[in-house]
Amino acid sequence: MDTKALFNIGYGLYVLTTNYDNIDNGCIVNTVIQVTSNPLQIAVTVNKGNYTHDLIKDSCVFNVSMLTTETPMKVFEHFGFQSGRTVNKFAECESEHRAVNHVLYIPKYTNAYLACRVTKSIDFGTHTMFIADVLDAQVLSDKRSRSEERFSRN
C-alpha cells in the first residue's frame, strides 16, 4: 500500500481557537469539514496532545479562522510550533475580536470564521473529532484560502 496517496487529499489550514475558564488558546488544524446543512454542522479533528483539545473538551465551544494565502509563516509558528500550556498565544494581540460564543477569532490573514458549539465528540485514539453546530459565520475578505499543499511534505 502506498500511503503517500493520502497526501493528495485536499486540506485547508485554519486557526482553531477556544476559551475555557478565561483562558484563550488556539492551534493550527487542517481537518475541518461541513457535515450537515440543516442544522448547519461542522467537524474538526484535533490531536489530543494539543492544549486546545483539552480546552475545547471542557468548554464545548470553538471558532475556526480560515487562513488566506497571504498568511505569513510567523502565524503558523505562533499557533503551531509552541504550546498554550507554556505560552499565552493571545498576550500580544493587536485587538480582540470575540464571536457570539465569546471565543476569539483571528481577523488578520483570515477570510472567514465560524463560531461553533460542540454537540458530540468521537474518540479516535490519538485524536478527537468534535461535531459542532455553527452559531455564526462571517466572511471577512475575498482573499483565497490557504491550503496545506503549499507546504512541502517530507
N, C-alpha and C. Protein backbone atom coordinates (compact mmCIF):
# COMPACT_ATOMS: atom_id res chain seq x y z
N MET A 1 0.86 -1.18 0.00
CA MET A 1 0.00 0.00 0.00
C MET A 1 0.90 1.23 0.00
N ASP A 2 0.57 2.19 -0.85
CA ASP A 2 1.32 3.44 -0.93
C ASP A 2 0.53 4.52 -0.18
N THR A 3 0.86 4.72 1.08
CA THR A 3 0.13 5.69 1.92
C THR A 3 0.35 7.13 1.46
N LYS A 4 1.32 7.37 0.59
CA LYS A 4 1.53 8.72 0.04
C LYS A 4 0.31 9.17 -0.78
N ALA A 5 -0.50 8.22 -1.19
CA ALA A 5 -1.73 8.57 -1.92
C ALA A 5 -2.61 9.49 -1.07
N LEU A 6 -2.54 9.34 0.24
CA LEU A 6 -3.34 10.18 1.14
C LEU A 6 -2.92 11.64 1.07
N PHE A 7 -1.68 11.91 0.64
CA PHE A 7 -1.22 13.30 0.53
C PHE A 7 -1.99 14.06 -0.55
N ASN A 8 -2.71 13.37 -1.39
CA ASN A 8 -3.49 14.01 -2.44
C ASN A 8 -4.87 14.46 -1.98
N ILE A 9 -5.22 14.15 -0.75
CA ILE A 9 -6.47 14.67 -0.18
C ILE A 9 -6.26 16.15 0.13
N GLY A 10 -7.20 16.98 -0.30
CA GLY A 10 -7.08 18.42 -0.06
C GLY A 10 -7.38 18.79 1.39
N TYR A 11 -6.59 19.67 1.93
CA TYR A 11 -6.77 20.16 3.29
C TYR A 11 -6.63 21.67 3.30
N GLY A 12 -7.41 22.33 4.11
CA GLY A 12 -7.21 23.75 4.35
C GLY A 12 -6.32 23.92 5.56
N LEU A 13 -5.99 25.17 5.86
CA LEU A 13 -5.24 25.47 7.07
C LEU A 13 -6.02 26.51 7.86
N TYR A 14 -6.18 26.23 9.13
CA TYR A 14 -7.06 27.02 9.98
C TYR A 14 -6.42 27.27 11.34
N VAL A 15 -6.83 28.37 11.97
CA VAL A 15 -6.52 28.57 13.38
C VAL A 15 -7.79 28.21 14.14
N LEU A 16 -7.68 27.21 14.99
CA LEU A 16 -8.78 26.75 15.84
C LEU A 16 -8.60 27.39 17.20
N THR A 17 -9.58 28.15 17.67
CA THR A 17 -9.47 28.84 18.95
C THR A 17 -10.58 28.42 19.90
N THR A 18 -10.32 28.60 21.17
CA THR A 18 -11.32 28.29 22.18
C THR A 18 -11.07 29.14 23.42
N ASN A 19 -12.00 29.08 24.35
CA ASN A 19 -11.87 29.77 25.63
C ASN A 19 -12.53 28.92 26.69
N TYR A 20 -11.78 28.68 27.77
CA TYR A 20 -12.34 27.96 28.91
C TYR A 20 -11.78 28.58 30.18
N ASP A 21 -12.66 28.91 31.10
CA ASP A 21 -12.26 29.47 32.39
C ASP A 21 -11.34 30.68 32.20
N ASN A 22 -11.73 31.56 31.27
CA ASN A 22 -11.00 32.78 30.92
C ASN A 22 -9.61 32.52 30.35
N ILE A 23 -9.37 31.34 29.81
CA ILE A 23 -8.11 31.03 29.14
C ILE A 23 -8.40 30.94 27.64
N ASP A 24 -7.75 31.82 26.87
CA ASP A 24 -7.86 31.80 25.42
C ASP A 24 -6.68 31.00 24.87
N ASN A 25 -6.94 30.17 23.88
CA ASN A 25 -5.87 29.41 23.26
C ASN A 25 -6.27 29.05 21.84
N GLY A 26 -5.28 28.66 21.05
CA GLY A 26 -5.54 28.26 19.68
C GLY A 26 -4.41 27.43 19.12
N CYS A 27 -4.70 26.71 18.05
CA CYS A 27 -3.70 25.90 17.37
C CYS A 27 -4.04 25.83 15.88
N ILE A 28 -3.07 25.34 15.11
CA ILE A 28 -3.26 25.14 13.68
C ILE A 28 -3.88 23.76 13.47
N VAL A 29 -4.92 23.69 12.65
CA VAL A 29 -5.50 22.40 12.26
C VAL A 29 -5.69 22.38 10.74
N ASN A 30 -5.83 21.17 10.21
CA ASN A 30 -6.05 21.05 8.77
C ASN A 30 -7.27 20.21 8.43
N THR A 31 -8.02 19.78 9.45
CA THR A 31 -9.15 18.90 9.20
C THR A 31 -10.44 19.54 9.71
N VAL A 32 -11.12 20.25 8.82
CA VAL A 32 -12.41 20.88 9.12
C VAL A 32 -13.32 20.57 7.94
N ILE A 33 -14.50 20.02 8.22
CA ILE A 33 -15.44 19.73 7.14
C ILE A 33 -16.86 20.09 7.57
N GLN A 34 -17.67 20.46 6.59
CA GLN A 34 -19.09 20.63 6.83
C GLN A 34 -19.71 19.25 6.78
N VAL A 35 -20.51 18.90 7.79
CA VAL A 35 -21.12 17.58 7.81
C VAL A 35 -22.62 17.61 7.52
N THR A 36 -23.30 18.68 7.84
CA THR A 36 -24.73 18.82 7.52
C THR A 36 -25.03 20.28 7.22
N SER A 37 -26.15 20.50 6.53
CA SER A 37 -26.56 21.88 6.25
C SER A 37 -27.77 22.31 7.07
N ASN A 38 -28.53 21.33 7.56
CA ASN A 38 -29.69 21.66 8.38
C ASN A 38 -29.89 20.59 9.45
N PRO A 39 -29.42 20.81 10.66
CA PRO A 39 -28.76 22.03 11.13
C PRO A 39 -27.35 22.15 10.54
N LEU A 40 -26.86 23.37 10.46
CA LEU A 40 -25.52 23.61 9.94
C LEU A 40 -24.50 23.13 10.97
N GLN A 41 -23.77 22.08 10.60
CA GLN A 41 -22.77 21.49 11.50
C GLN A 41 -21.47 21.25 10.77
N ILE A 42 -20.37 21.36 11.53
CA ILE A 42 -19.05 21.03 11.01
C ILE A 42 -18.40 20.02 11.94
N ALA A 43 -17.33 19.42 11.44
CA ALA A 43 -16.50 18.54 12.25
C ALA A 43 -15.07 19.05 12.17
N VAL A 44 -14.38 19.03 13.29
CA VAL A 44 -12.96 19.37 13.34
C VAL A 44 -12.26 18.27 14.12
N THR A 45 -11.11 17.84 13.63
CA THR A 45 -10.36 16.78 14.29
C THR A 45 -9.11 17.39 14.90
N VAL A 46 -8.87 17.09 16.19
CA VAL A 46 -7.78 17.72 16.94
C VAL A 46 -6.96 16.65 17.65
N ASN A 47 -5.65 16.79 17.57
CA ASN A 47 -4.73 15.90 18.28
C ASN A 47 -4.92 16.07 19.78
N LYS A 48 -5.01 14.96 20.49
CA LYS A 48 -5.23 15.01 21.94
C LYS A 48 -4.05 15.62 22.70
N GLY A 49 -2.88 15.70 22.05
CA GLY A 49 -1.71 16.32 22.68
C GLY A 49 -1.78 17.83 22.72
N ASN A 50 -2.69 18.43 21.96
CA ASN A 50 -2.81 19.89 21.93
C ASN A 50 -3.60 20.40 23.12
N TYR A 51 -3.09 21.45 23.72
CA TYR A 51 -3.78 22.09 24.84
C TYR A 51 -5.16 22.58 24.40
N THR A 52 -5.26 23.05 23.16
CA THR A 52 -6.55 23.50 22.62
C THR A 52 -7.58 22.37 22.70
N HIS A 53 -7.15 21.16 22.43
CA HIS A 53 -8.04 19.99 22.53
C HIS A 53 -8.68 19.91 23.91
N ASP A 54 -7.85 20.00 24.94
CA ASP A 54 -8.35 19.89 26.31
C ASP A 54 -9.32 21.01 26.65
N LEU A 55 -9.02 22.22 26.19
CA LEU A 55 -9.90 23.35 26.48
C LEU A 55 -11.23 23.23 25.74
N ILE A 56 -11.21 22.72 24.52
CA ILE A 56 -12.47 22.51 23.79
C ILE A 56 -13.29 21.43 24.48
N LYS A 57 -12.65 20.38 24.92
CA LYS A 57 -13.35 19.30 25.62
C LYS A 57 -14.09 19.84 26.85
N ASP A 58 -13.46 20.79 27.56
CA ASP A 58 -14.07 21.37 28.76
C ASP A 58 -15.08 22.46 28.45
N SER A 59 -14.81 23.28 27.43
CA SER A 59 -15.67 24.44 27.15
C SER A 59 -16.82 24.15 26.20
N CYS A 60 -16.60 23.19 25.29
CA CYS A 60 -17.58 22.84 24.25
C CYS A 60 -17.85 23.98 23.27
N VAL A 61 -16.90 24.90 23.12
CA VAL A 61 -17.01 25.98 22.13
C VAL A 61 -15.67 26.16 21.43
N PHE A 62 -15.76 26.55 20.16
CA PHE A 62 -14.54 26.88 19.41
C PHE A 62 -14.90 27.73 18.21
N ASN A 63 -13.87 28.35 17.65
CA ASN A 63 -14.00 29.08 16.40
C ASN A 63 -12.98 28.54 15.42
N VAL A 64 -13.31 28.63 14.16
CA VAL A 64 -12.39 28.27 13.09
C VAL A 64 -12.15 29.52 12.26
N SER A 65 -10.89 29.97 12.24
CA SER A 65 -10.49 31.09 11.38
C SER A 65 -9.83 30.51 10.14
N MET A 66 -10.38 30.84 8.97
CA MET A 66 -9.89 30.29 7.71
C MET A 66 -8.79 31.18 7.15
N LEU A 67 -7.58 30.65 7.14
CA LEU A 67 -6.41 31.44 6.77
C LEU A 67 -6.31 31.64 5.26
N THR A 68 -5.74 32.78 4.87
CA THR A 68 -5.61 33.13 3.45
C THR A 68 -4.21 32.78 2.95
N THR A 69 -4.06 32.88 1.63
CA THR A 69 -2.76 32.63 1.01
C THR A 69 -1.72 33.66 1.44
N GLU A 70 -2.16 34.79 1.98
CA GLU A 70 -1.24 35.83 2.45
C GLU A 70 -0.72 35.59 3.87
N THR A 71 -1.17 34.53 4.50
CA THR A 71 -0.75 34.25 5.88
C THR A 71 0.75 33.97 5.92
N PRO A 72 1.51 34.75 6.70
CA PRO A 72 2.95 34.52 6.78
C PRO A 72 3.28 33.33 7.70
N MET A 73 4.46 32.80 7.53
CA MET A 73 4.91 31.65 8.31
C MET A 73 4.86 31.94 9.81
N LYS A 74 5.05 33.20 10.21
CA LYS A 74 5.06 33.53 11.65
C LYS A 74 3.74 33.16 12.33
N VAL A 75 2.63 33.20 11.60
CA VAL A 75 1.34 32.81 12.17
C VAL A 75 1.32 31.30 12.45
N PHE A 76 1.85 30.52 11.52
CA PHE A 76 1.92 29.07 11.72
C PHE A 76 2.89 28.72 12.85
N GLU A 77 3.99 29.45 12.93
CA GLU A 77 4.94 29.23 14.03
C GLU A 77 4.29 29.57 15.36
N HIS A 78 3.59 30.70 15.40
CA HIS A 78 2.99 31.17 16.66
C HIS A 78 1.91 30.22 17.17
N PHE A 79 1.02 29.79 16.29
CA PHE A 79 -0.08 28.93 16.72
C PHE A 79 0.21 27.44 16.60
N GLY A 80 1.26 27.08 15.85
CA GLY A 80 1.51 25.67 15.63
C GLY A 80 2.77 25.10 16.22
N PHE A 81 3.77 25.95 16.52
CA PHE A 81 5.06 25.43 16.96
C PHE A 81 5.35 25.68 18.44
N GLN A 82 4.36 26.09 19.19
CA GLN A 82 4.52 26.28 20.63
C GLN A 82 3.23 25.91 21.33
N SER A 83 3.33 25.57 22.59
CA SER A 83 2.17 25.11 23.33
C SER A 83 1.54 26.22 24.17
N GLY A 84 0.24 26.25 24.16
CA GLY A 84 -0.50 27.17 25.02
C GLY A 84 -0.36 26.84 26.50
N ARG A 85 0.18 25.67 26.79
CA ARG A 85 0.44 25.32 28.20
C ARG A 85 1.55 26.18 28.77
N THR A 86 2.46 26.66 27.91
CA THR A 86 3.61 27.44 28.38
C THR A 86 3.64 28.86 27.85
N VAL A 87 2.83 29.16 26.82
CA VAL A 87 2.83 30.48 26.20
C VAL A 87 1.39 30.97 26.07
N ASN A 88 1.16 32.22 26.44
CA ASN A 88 -0.14 32.84 26.21
C ASN A 88 -0.15 33.33 24.77
N LYS A 89 -0.81 32.61 23.89
CA LYS A 89 -0.77 32.91 22.47
C LYS A 89 -1.49 34.20 22.11
N PHE A 90 -2.28 34.75 23.02
CA PHE A 90 -3.00 35.99 22.74
C PHE A 90 -2.49 37.16 23.57
N ALA A 91 -1.35 37.01 24.23
CA ALA A 91 -0.81 38.06 25.10
C ALA A 91 -0.54 39.36 24.33
N GLU A 92 -0.10 39.25 23.09
CA GLU A 92 0.26 40.43 22.32
C GLU A 92 -0.71 40.71 21.18
N CYS A 93 -1.97 40.39 21.38
CA CYS A 93 -2.99 40.64 20.36
C CYS A 93 -3.11 42.14 20.10
N GLU A 94 -3.17 42.48 18.81
CA GLU A 94 -3.37 43.89 18.45
C GLU A 94 -4.74 44.37 18.92
N SER A 95 -5.74 43.52 18.76
CA SER A 95 -7.09 43.82 19.24
C SER A 95 -7.82 42.49 19.40
N GLU A 96 -8.80 42.50 20.25
CA GLU A 96 -9.56 41.27 20.48
C GLU A 96 -10.85 41.29 19.68
N HIS A 97 -11.12 40.19 19.02
CA HIS A 97 -12.36 40.02 18.27
C HIS A 97 -13.02 38.74 18.77
N ARG A 98 -14.10 38.88 19.49
CA ARG A 98 -14.81 37.72 20.02
C ARG A 98 -16.11 37.51 19.26
N ALA A 99 -16.40 36.28 18.99
CA ALA A 99 -17.63 35.91 18.30
C ALA A 99 -18.76 35.75 19.31
N VAL A 100 -19.93 35.36 18.83
CA VAL A 100 -21.11 35.22 19.69
C VAL A 100 -20.92 34.18 20.79
N ASN A 101 -20.00 33.25 20.61
CA ASN A 101 -19.74 32.23 21.64
C ASN A 101 -18.66 32.67 22.63
N HIS A 102 -18.24 33.94 22.55
CA HIS A 102 -17.25 34.55 23.44
C HIS A 102 -15.84 34.01 23.24
N VAL A 103 -15.59 33.41 22.08
CA VAL A 103 -14.28 32.88 21.73
C VAL A 103 -13.63 33.84 20.73
N LEU A 104 -12.32 34.06 20.90
CA LEU A 104 -11.58 34.90 19.97
C LEU A 104 -11.48 34.25 18.60
N TYR A 105 -11.46 35.07 17.58
CA TYR A 105 -11.11 34.60 16.24
C TYR A 105 -9.98 35.49 15.72
N ILE A 106 -9.33 35.04 14.67
CA ILE A 106 -8.16 35.75 14.13
C ILE A 106 -8.61 36.58 12.93
N PRO A 107 -8.73 37.91 13.06
CA PRO A 107 -9.23 38.70 11.94
C PRO A 107 -8.19 38.95 10.84
N LYS A 108 -6.92 38.98 11.21
CA LYS A 108 -5.87 39.26 10.23
C LYS A 108 -5.47 37.96 9.54
N TYR A 109 -5.30 38.01 8.24
CA TYR A 109 -4.94 36.84 7.41
C TYR A 109 -6.05 35.80 7.39
N THR A 110 -7.27 36.21 7.66
CA THR A 110 -8.42 35.31 7.70
C THR A 110 -9.47 35.82 6.73
N ASN A 111 -10.05 34.91 5.94
CA ASN A 111 -11.09 35.36 5.02
C ASN A 111 -12.50 35.08 5.54
N ALA A 112 -12.60 34.24 6.56
CA ALA A 112 -13.90 33.95 7.17
C ALA A 112 -13.67 33.23 8.50
N TYR A 113 -14.69 33.24 9.33
CA TYR A 113 -14.61 32.44 10.56
C TYR A 113 -15.97 31.82 10.85
N LEU A 114 -15.93 30.75 11.61
CA LEU A 114 -17.12 30.06 12.10
C LEU A 114 -17.07 30.03 13.61
N ALA A 115 -18.16 30.38 14.25
CA ALA A 115 -18.30 30.27 15.71
C ALA A 115 -19.17 29.05 16.00
N CYS A 116 -18.67 28.14 16.84
CA CYS A 116 -19.30 26.83 16.98
C CYS A 116 -19.50 26.40 18.43
N ARG A 117 -20.48 25.51 18.61
CA ARG A 117 -20.73 24.86 19.91
C ARG A 117 -20.76 23.35 19.68
N VAL A 118 -19.94 22.64 20.46
CA VAL A 118 -19.81 21.19 20.31
C VAL A 118 -21.11 20.50 20.74
N THR A 119 -21.55 19.56 19.91
CA THR A 119 -22.74 18.76 20.24
C THR A 119 -22.38 17.29 20.49
N LYS A 120 -21.22 16.89 19.98
CA LYS A 120 -20.81 15.49 20.10
C LYS A 120 -19.30 15.41 19.88
N SER A 121 -18.67 14.42 20.49
CA SER A 121 -17.26 14.16 20.21
C SER A 121 -17.05 12.67 19.99
N ILE A 122 -16.11 12.35 19.12
CA ILE A 122 -15.79 10.96 18.80
C ILE A 122 -14.31 10.75 19.05
N ASP A 123 -13.99 9.76 19.87
CA ASP A 123 -12.60 9.45 20.22
C ASP A 123 -12.00 8.54 19.16
N PHE A 124 -10.88 8.99 18.59
CA PHE A 124 -10.16 8.20 17.59
C PHE A 124 -8.77 7.81 18.08
N GLY A 125 -8.61 7.60 19.37
CA GLY A 125 -7.31 7.22 19.91
C GLY A 125 -6.42 8.43 20.10
N THR A 126 -5.65 8.80 19.08
CA THR A 126 -4.74 9.94 19.19
C THR A 126 -5.44 11.28 18.98
N HIS A 127 -6.63 11.27 18.38
CA HIS A 127 -7.36 12.49 18.04
C HIS A 127 -8.81 12.38 18.51
N THR A 128 -9.44 13.54 18.63
CA THR A 128 -10.87 13.62 18.88
C THR A 128 -11.50 14.41 17.75
N MET A 129 -12.61 13.90 17.24
CA MET A 129 -13.40 14.67 16.28
C MET A 129 -14.52 15.34 17.05
N PHE A 130 -14.58 16.65 16.95
CA PHE A 130 -15.66 17.42 17.58
C PHE A 130 -16.68 17.77 16.50
N ILE A 131 -17.93 17.38 16.72
CA ILE A 131 -19.03 17.76 15.84
C ILE A 131 -19.69 18.96 16.51
N ALA A 132 -19.96 20.00 15.73
CA ALA A 132 -20.45 21.23 16.34
C ALA A 132 -21.49 21.93 15.48
N ASP A 133 -22.44 22.56 16.16
CA ASP A 133 -23.38 23.46 15.49
C ASP A 133 -22.66 24.76 15.19
N VAL A 134 -22.89 25.31 14.01
CA VAL A 134 -22.35 26.62 13.65
C VAL A 134 -23.33 27.66 14.17
N LEU A 135 -22.88 28.47 15.11
CA LEU A 135 -23.71 29.51 15.72
C LEU A 135 -23.70 30.79 14.91
N ASP A 136 -22.55 31.05 14.26
CA ASP A 136 -22.41 32.24 13.43
C ASP A 136 -21.30 31.97 12.43
N ALA A 137 -21.39 32.62 11.29
CA ALA A 137 -20.38 32.53 10.25
C ALA A 137 -20.27 33.90 9.60
N GLN A 138 -19.04 34.37 9.42
CA GLN A 138 -18.84 35.69 8.83
C GLN A 138 -17.73 35.63 7.79
N VAL A 139 -17.96 36.25 6.64
CA VAL A 139 -16.92 36.42 5.62
C VAL A 139 -16.22 37.74 5.93
N LEU A 140 -14.88 37.70 5.99
CA LEU A 140 -14.10 38.89 6.34
C LEU A 140 -13.36 39.48 5.14
N SER A 141 -13.09 38.67 4.13
CA SER A 141 -12.43 39.18 2.92
C SER A 141 -12.67 38.21 1.77
N ASP A 142 -12.29 38.64 0.58
CA ASP A 142 -12.44 37.78 -0.60
C ASP A 142 -11.11 37.13 -0.99
N LYS A 143 -10.12 37.18 -0.11
CA LYS A 143 -8.82 36.56 -0.38
C LYS A 143 -8.96 35.04 -0.40
N ARG A 144 -8.12 34.39 -1.21
CA ARG A 144 -8.16 32.94 -1.36
C ARG A 144 -7.71 32.23 -0.08
N SER A 145 -8.32 31.08 0.21
CA SER A 145 -7.95 30.28 1.37
C SER A 145 -6.62 29.58 1.13
N ARG A 146 -5.87 29.43 2.21
CA ARG A 146 -4.59 28.72 2.16
C ARG A 146 -4.83 27.23 2.31
N SER A 147 -4.15 26.47 1.51
CA SER A 147 -4.27 25.01 1.62
C SER A 147 -2.93 24.42 2.03
N GLU A 148 -2.99 23.23 2.57
CA GLU A 148 -1.77 22.61 3.11
C GLU A 148 -0.77 22.24 2.05
N GLU A 149 -1.21 22.01 0.81
CA GLU A 149 -0.25 21.58 -0.20
C GLU A 149 0.80 22.64 -0.51
N ARG A 150 0.60 23.85 -0.03
CA ARG A 150 1.59 24.90 -0.24
C ARG A 150 2.83 24.69 0.64
N PHE A 151 2.74 23.79 1.60
CA PHE A 151 3.88 23.43 2.44
C PHE A 151 4.46 22.14 1.90
N SER A 152 5.77 22.04 1.91
CA SER A 152 6.37 20.78 1.43
C SER A 152 6.17 19.69 2.46
N ARG A 153 6.00 18.48 1.98
CA ARG A 153 5.85 17.32 2.83
C ARG A 153 7.13 16.51 2.76
N ASN A 154 7.67 16.14 3.90
CA ASN A 154 8.90 15.34 3.94
C ASN A 154 8.56 13.90 4.14
